[in-house]
Amino acid sequence: MKYVIVFLVIIANTFALEIKGNMILGEKNEVIPLKEYKRIVVYNFGAVELLYKIGAGEKIVGVANHNKKIWPEEKTKLIPLAGGVSKPSIEKILSFNPDLVIFNIMGNQSEELKKFGIPSITFVNRSLNDILKNTLVLGKITNKEKESLDLVEELTNKLNLIKNGEKIEGKALILYSDSPPTSFAKDSLPVEILEQIGLEVILPKGGKKSIVSSEYILRENPKYIIGTRGINKREEIIKSIPLIEETDAFKDGNIYLIDSTEIMRASHRVFDEIENIYKILKGDSNERS
């Protein structure tokens, strides 16, 4: 019964993979049979990590080229490379003789693969809800349904503990880049993460990634300023924002860095990082950059 409750909580998401009858619908309107797949080429690293977490890692026969660590590194580093994420090679894919290809949103060769009778699907985790729902789908197509249900319950409980615990209040600014200071979009995963722990994330009006002026930062006076993605040092944030010393974030020493690999890859490990960020901002951790 507990599994049914968990599924009902996350089923409303419209961006994740979707099961309709005996078929699965992908991000780019792909439709594939709902069945077990045993030889999977994966171009989405979040999907790779989730497959290993539910015990289906041995079904991955190829993974996209990469220069960053993919959990669990001791196993993923041994997977043969299948070419670039943005321009997957049909020839390379065919060399693995896959029965399924999982693409990243950045690149897709579904139409070409249809000529060879190979099903494919585009995998995207834009939100925490996406991660949970897609985990259940991965479990169904790898004969690891129980393991996926257990993982979803574990992640949901972890998030609920944080949401029901002591709130971290105040305004927060999270930066995508420091030159110039640029914020994430409202519907991005980093913004959702900070909101989950109780913060009010400030976002200037503008496009998908908006430049944040010093005037805006001074006017909003965030309690926390957090850098990620292309920002490597705390000092880079301080140098990029004139008069940053006038903000509460600077005065209270609340300027931090977050490893973008942990929060942008959008696997189960995001939930661990939420817990880590929560502890850092509460002052319960020594991991301060």
Protein backbone atom coordinates (compact mmCIF):
# COMPACT_ATOMS: atom_id res chain seq x y z
CA MET A 1 0.00 0.00 0.00
CA LYS A 2 2.86 2.35 0.78
CA TYR A 3 4.07 2.02 -2.83
CA VAL A 4 0.69 3.05 -4.21
CA ILE A 5 0.73 6.18 -2.06
CA VAL A 6 4.21 7.13 -3.27
CA PHE A 7 3.22 6.66 -6.90
CA LEU A 8 0.11 8.81 -6.53
CA VAL A 9 2.24 11.59 -5.07
CA ILE A 10 4.51 11.79 -8.10
CA ILE A 11 2.26 10.75 -10.97
CA ALA A 12 1.06 14.27 -11.77
CA ASN A 13 4.38 15.31 -13.31
CA THR A 14 4.05 15.92 -17.05
CA PHE A 15 7.73 16.06 -18.04
CA ALA A 16 8.95 12.62 -16.97
CA LEU A 17 8.63 9.37 -18.88
CA GLU A 18 5.01 8.27 -18.99
CA ILE A 19 3.44 4.83 -19.05
CA LYS A 20 0.21 4.46 -21.02
CA GLY A 21 -1.15 0.96 -21.13
CA ASN A 22 1.63 -1.30 -22.36
CA MET A 23 3.69 1.52 -23.88
CA ILE A 24 6.14 4.17 -22.63
CA LEU A 25 6.11 7.75 -23.91
CA GLY A 26 9.34 9.73 -24.07
CA GLU A 27 10.19 13.42 -23.91
CA LYS A 28 10.16 13.76 -27.71
CA ASN A 29 6.98 11.77 -28.26
CA GLU A 30 8.80 8.48 -28.75
CA VAL A 31 6.69 5.40 -28.02
CA ILE A 32 8.29 2.10 -27.02
CA PRO A 33 6.88 -1.19 -25.66
CA LEU A 34 6.70 -1.58 -21.89
CA LYS A 35 8.83 -4.69 -21.42
CA GLU A 36 12.20 -5.77 -20.06
CA TYR A 37 15.27 -4.54 -21.95
CA LYS A 38 18.63 -6.26 -21.50
CA ARG A 39 21.16 -4.39 -23.68
CA ILE A 40 20.88 -0.63 -23.18
CA VAL A 41 23.05 2.16 -24.58
CA VAL A 42 22.69 5.25 -22.38
CA TYR A 43 23.46 8.88 -23.25
CA ASN A 44 22.05 10.34 -20.03
CA PHE A 45 24.37 10.09 -17.02
CA GLY A 46 21.55 10.52 -14.52
CA ALA A 47 19.91 7.43 -16.01
CA VAL A 48 23.21 5.54 -15.72
CA GLU A 49 23.44 6.30 -12.01
CA LEU A 50 19.81 5.39 -11.39
CA LEU A 51 20.17 2.10 -13.25
CA TYR A 52 23.13 1.15 -11.07
CA LYS A 53 21.32 2.22 -7.93
CA ILE A 54 18.41 -0.15 -8.62
CA GLY A 55 20.75 -3.00 -9.52
CA ALA A 56 20.37 -2.86 -13.30
CA GLY A 57 23.82 -1.57 -14.18
CA GLU A 58 24.82 -4.81 -15.89
CA LYS A 59 22.24 -4.09 -18.59
CA ILE A 60 24.20 -1.03 -19.76
CA VAL A 61 26.38 -2.03 -22.73
CA GLY A 62 27.51 1.47 -23.75
CA VAL A 63 27.58 4.97 -22.31
CA ALA A 64 28.16 8.42 -23.81
CA ASN A 65 31.67 9.86 -23.90
CA HIS A 66 32.46 11.72 -20.70
CA ASN A 67 35.31 13.37 -18.80
CA LYS A 68 33.62 13.55 -15.39
CA LYS A 69 33.01 10.90 -12.77
CA ILE A 70 29.82 8.91 -13.02
CA TRP A 71 28.68 7.04 -9.93
CA PRO A 72 29.70 4.29 -9.18
CA GLU A 73 32.98 5.22 -10.84
CA GLU A 74 34.70 1.88 -10.28
CA LYS A 75 32.03 0.29 -12.49
CA THR A 76 31.04 3.03 -14.93
CA LYS A 77 34.63 3.68 -15.98
CA LEU A 78 34.68 0.17 -17.43
CA ILE A 79 31.63 0.66 -19.68
CA PRO A 80 32.55 1.03 -23.38
CA LEU A 81 32.03 4.53 -24.76
CA ALA A 82 29.25 5.11 -27.28
CA GLY A 83 30.14 8.54 -28.68
CA GLY A 84 29.09 12.10 -27.91
CA VAL A 85 25.94 13.11 -26.06
CA SER A 86 24.91 15.81 -28.52
CA LYS A 87 25.66 13.87 -31.73
CA PRO A 88 25.21 10.15 -31.10
CA SER A 89 26.74 7.97 -33.82
CA ILE A 90 24.39 5.45 -35.42
CA GLU A 91 27.34 3.26 -36.39
CA LYS A 92 28.62 3.26 -32.81
CA ILE A 93 25.18 2.47 -31.43
CA LEU A 94 24.71 -0.44 -33.83
CA SER A 95 28.06 -1.91 -32.80
CA PHE A 96 26.63 -2.60 -29.33
CA ASN A 97 23.63 -4.53 -30.71
CA PRO A 98 21.29 -2.82 -28.19
CA ASP A 99 17.62 -3.56 -27.63
CA LEU A 100 17.10 -0.01 -26.25
CA VAL A 101 18.83 3.37 -26.47
CA ILE A 102 18.25 6.06 -23.85
CA PHE A 103 19.08 9.49 -25.25
CA ASN A 104 19.83 12.78 -23.53
CA ILE A 105 17.71 15.81 -24.45
CA MET A 106 20.79 17.28 -26.19
CA GLY A 107 20.95 14.63 -28.89
CA ASN A 108 18.57 12.15 -30.48
CA GLN A 109 18.70 9.66 -33.34
CA SER A 110 15.32 8.00 -32.82
CA GLU A 111 14.19 8.29 -36.43
CA GLU A 112 17.39 6.73 -37.76
CA LEU A 113 17.23 3.88 -35.26
CA LYS A 114 13.69 3.05 -36.34
CA LYS A 115 15.14 1.92 -39.69
CA PHE A 116 17.01 -0.78 -37.80
CA GLY A 117 14.13 -1.72 -35.53
CA ILE A 118 15.85 -0.39 -32.39
CA PRO A 119 13.56 1.42 -29.90
CA SER A 120 14.81 4.54 -28.18
CA ILE A 121 13.58 7.09 -25.71
CA THR A 122 14.67 10.52 -24.50
CA PHE A 123 15.30 10.72 -20.77
CA VAL A 124 15.06 14.05 -18.91
CA ASN A 125 15.02 14.84 -15.18
CA ARG A 126 14.01 18.49 -14.85
CA SER A 127 12.75 18.22 -11.29
CA LEU A 128 12.84 16.07 -8.16
CA ASN A 129 9.47 14.67 -9.21
CA ASP A 130 10.94 13.66 -12.58
CA ILE A 131 13.70 11.73 -10.82
CA LEU A 132 11.18 9.79 -8.75
CA LYS A 133 8.83 8.99 -11.60
CA ASN A 134 11.58 8.07 -14.06
CA THR A 135 13.12 5.78 -11.45
CA LEU A 136 9.89 3.77 -11.42
CA VAL A 137 9.91 3.51 -15.22
CA LEU A 138 13.54 2.36 -15.25
CA GLY A 139 12.61 -0.30 -12.74
CA LYS A 140 9.79 -1.58 -14.95
CA ILE A 141 11.94 -1.87 -18.09
CA THR A 142 14.82 -3.65 -16.34
CA ASN A 143 12.85 -6.12 -14.20
CA LYS A 144 13.86 -4.17 -11.08
CA GLU A 145 10.46 -2.83 -10.13
CA LYS A 146 10.70 -3.68 -6.42
CA GLU A 147 14.14 -2.09 -6.19
CA SER A 148 12.89 1.07 -7.90
CA LEU A 149 9.89 1.29 -5.56
CA ASP A 150 12.17 0.87 -2.55
CA LEU A 151 14.45 3.63 -3.84
CA VAL A 152 11.58 6.03 -4.49
CA GLU A 153 10.26 5.44 -0.99
CA GLU A 154 13.74 6.02 0.47
CA LEU A 155 14.24 9.27 -1.45
CA THR A 156 10.76 10.53 -0.65
CA ASN A 157 11.27 9.85 3.07
CA LYS A 158 14.63 11.62 3.01
CA LEU A 159 13.07 14.69 1.43
CA ASN A 160 10.15 14.67 3.86
CA LEU A 161 12.51 14.60 6.84
CA ILE A 162 14.16 17.78 5.57
CA LYS A 163 10.87 19.50 4.68
CA ASN A 164 9.41 18.68 8.09
CA GLY A 165 12.55 19.61 10.01
CA GLU A 166 13.91 22.96 11.10
CA LYS A 167 13.41 25.46 8.29
CA ILE A 168 16.24 27.51 6.86
CA GLU A 169 14.66 30.87 6.21
CA GLY A 170 15.75 33.90 4.25
CA LYS A 171 16.41 35.02 0.71
CA ALA A 172 18.95 33.12 -1.38
CA LEU A 173 20.62 33.85 -4.69
CA ILE A 174 22.03 30.93 -6.67
CA LEU A 175 24.37 31.77 -9.53
CA TYR A 176 24.98 29.83 -12.73
CA SER A 177 27.98 31.99 -13.65
CA ASP A 178 29.98 34.83 -12.10
CA SER A 179 31.02 36.78 -15.19
CA PRO A 180 28.57 38.32 -15.36
CA PRO A 181 26.58 37.09 -12.35
CA THR A 182 23.81 34.98 -13.87
CA SER A 183 20.92 33.24 -12.13
CA PHE A 184 19.17 29.98 -12.94
CA ALA A 185 15.64 29.88 -14.33
CA LYS A 186 12.67 29.64 -11.98
CA ASP A 187 11.83 26.07 -13.02
CA SER A 188 15.40 24.75 -12.70
CA LEU A 189 16.47 21.96 -10.39
CA PRO A 190 18.95 24.10 -8.36
CA VAL A 191 16.17 26.59 -7.54
CA GLU A 192 13.83 23.78 -6.54
CA ILE A 193 16.49 22.29 -4.26
CA LEU A 194 16.89 25.53 -2.29
CA GLU A 195 13.14 25.97 -2.07
CA GLN A 196 12.80 22.48 -0.64
CA ILE A 197 14.88 23.43 2.39
CA GLY A 198 12.78 26.55 3.01
CA LEU A 199 14.68 29.35 1.27
CA GLU A 200 13.11 32.11 -0.79
CA VAL A 201 15.11 32.07 -4.02
CA ILE A 202 15.33 35.51 -5.59
CA LEU A 203 15.19 35.68 -9.39
CA PRO A 204 15.31 38.82 -11.53
CA LYS A 205 12.81 39.01 -14.35
CA GLY A 206 14.25 38.07 -17.68
CA GLY A 207 15.05 35.09 -19.86
CA LYS A 208 15.95 31.54 -18.99
CA LYS A 209 19.20 32.64 -17.39
CA SER A 210 19.09 36.27 -16.25
CA ILE A 211 22.01 38.56 -15.53
CA VAL A 212 21.81 39.70 -11.92
CA SER A 213 22.76 43.35 -11.45
CA SER A 214 24.54 44.62 -8.35
CA GLU A 215 21.62 47.00 -7.79
CA TYR A 216 19.23 44.06 -7.71
CA ILE A 217 21.39 42.10 -5.27
CA LEU A 218 21.74 45.10 -2.95
CA ARG A 219 18.02 45.79 -3.08
CA GLU A 220 17.02 42.20 -2.34
CA ASN A 221 19.88 41.74 0.15
CA PRO A 222 20.07 37.92 0.13
CA LYS A 223 20.97 36.09 3.30
CA TYR A 224 22.73 33.41 1.24
CA ILE A 225 24.63 33.57 -2.04
CA ILE A 226 25.47 30.24 -3.64
CA GLY A 227 27.61 29.61 -6.70
CA THR A 228 27.67 26.53 -8.91
CA ARG A 229 28.15 25.39 -12.50
CA GLY A 230 30.97 27.59 -13.90
CA ILE A 231 32.09 29.09 -10.58
CA ASN A 232 35.13 27.45 -9.02
CA LYS A 233 35.97 29.67 -6.06
CA ARG A 234 34.09 31.67 -3.47
CA GLU A 235 36.38 34.60 -4.23
CA GLU A 236 35.13 34.66 -7.82
CA ILE A 237 31.64 35.49 -6.59
CA ILE A 238 32.91 38.24 -4.31
CA LYS A 239 34.96 39.84 -7.09
CA SER A 240 32.09 39.75 -9.57
CA ILE A 241 29.59 41.69 -7.45
CA PRO A 242 30.44 45.31 -6.57
CA LEU A 243 29.47 46.28 -3.01
CA ILE A 244 28.75 42.65 -2.12
CA GLU A 245 30.15 43.45 1.32
CA GLU A 246 26.94 45.38 1.96
CA THR A 247 24.83 42.21 1.79
CA ASP A 248 23.87 40.05 4.75
CA ALA A 249 25.30 37.05 2.92
CA PHE A 250 28.77 38.59 2.94
CA LYS A 251 28.54 39.98 6.47
CA ASP A 252 27.45 36.62 7.89
CA GLY A 253 29.86 34.56 5.83
CA ASN A 254 27.05 32.84 3.96
CA ILE A 255 28.65 32.56 0.52
CA TYR A 256 28.99 28.97 -0.64
CA LEU A 257 29.81 26.77 -3.60
CA ILE A 258 27.85 23.68 -4.66
CA ASP A 259 29.29 20.98 -6.91
CA SER A 260 27.19 21.25 -10.07
CA THR A 261 27.82 17.58 -10.91
CA GLU A 262 25.84 16.57 -7.84
CA ILE A 263 22.80 18.73 -8.54
CA MET A 264 22.67 18.96 -12.34
CA ARG A 265 23.05 15.28 -13.19
CA ALA A 266 19.67 14.67 -11.58
CA SER A 267 20.01 11.15 -10.24
CA HIS A 268 19.19 9.76 -6.80
CA ARG A 269 22.34 11.48 -5.51
CA VAL A 270 20.59 14.86 -5.75
CA PHE A 271 18.64 13.91 -2.64
CA ASP A 272 21.90 13.26 -0.77
CA GLU A 273 23.14 16.67 -1.90
CA ILE A 274 19.96 18.36 -0.65
CA GLU A 275 20.69 16.83 2.74
CA ASN A 276 24.30 18.01 2.52
CA ILE A 277 23.32 21.58 1.54
CA TYR A 278 20.77 21.63 4.36
CA LYS A 279 23.46 20.68 6.89
CA ILE A 280 25.94 23.23 5.51
CA LEU A 281 23.49 26.13 5.64
CA LYS A 282 22.39 25.12 9.13
CA GLY A 283 26.01 25.14 10.25
CA ASP A 284 26.03 21.41 10.98
CA SER A 285 28.83 20.70 8.51
CA ASN A 286 32.42 21.83 8.09
CA GLU A 287 32.15 21.73 4.28
CA ARG A 288 32.25 25.44 3.59
CA SER A 289 33.98 26.83 0.47
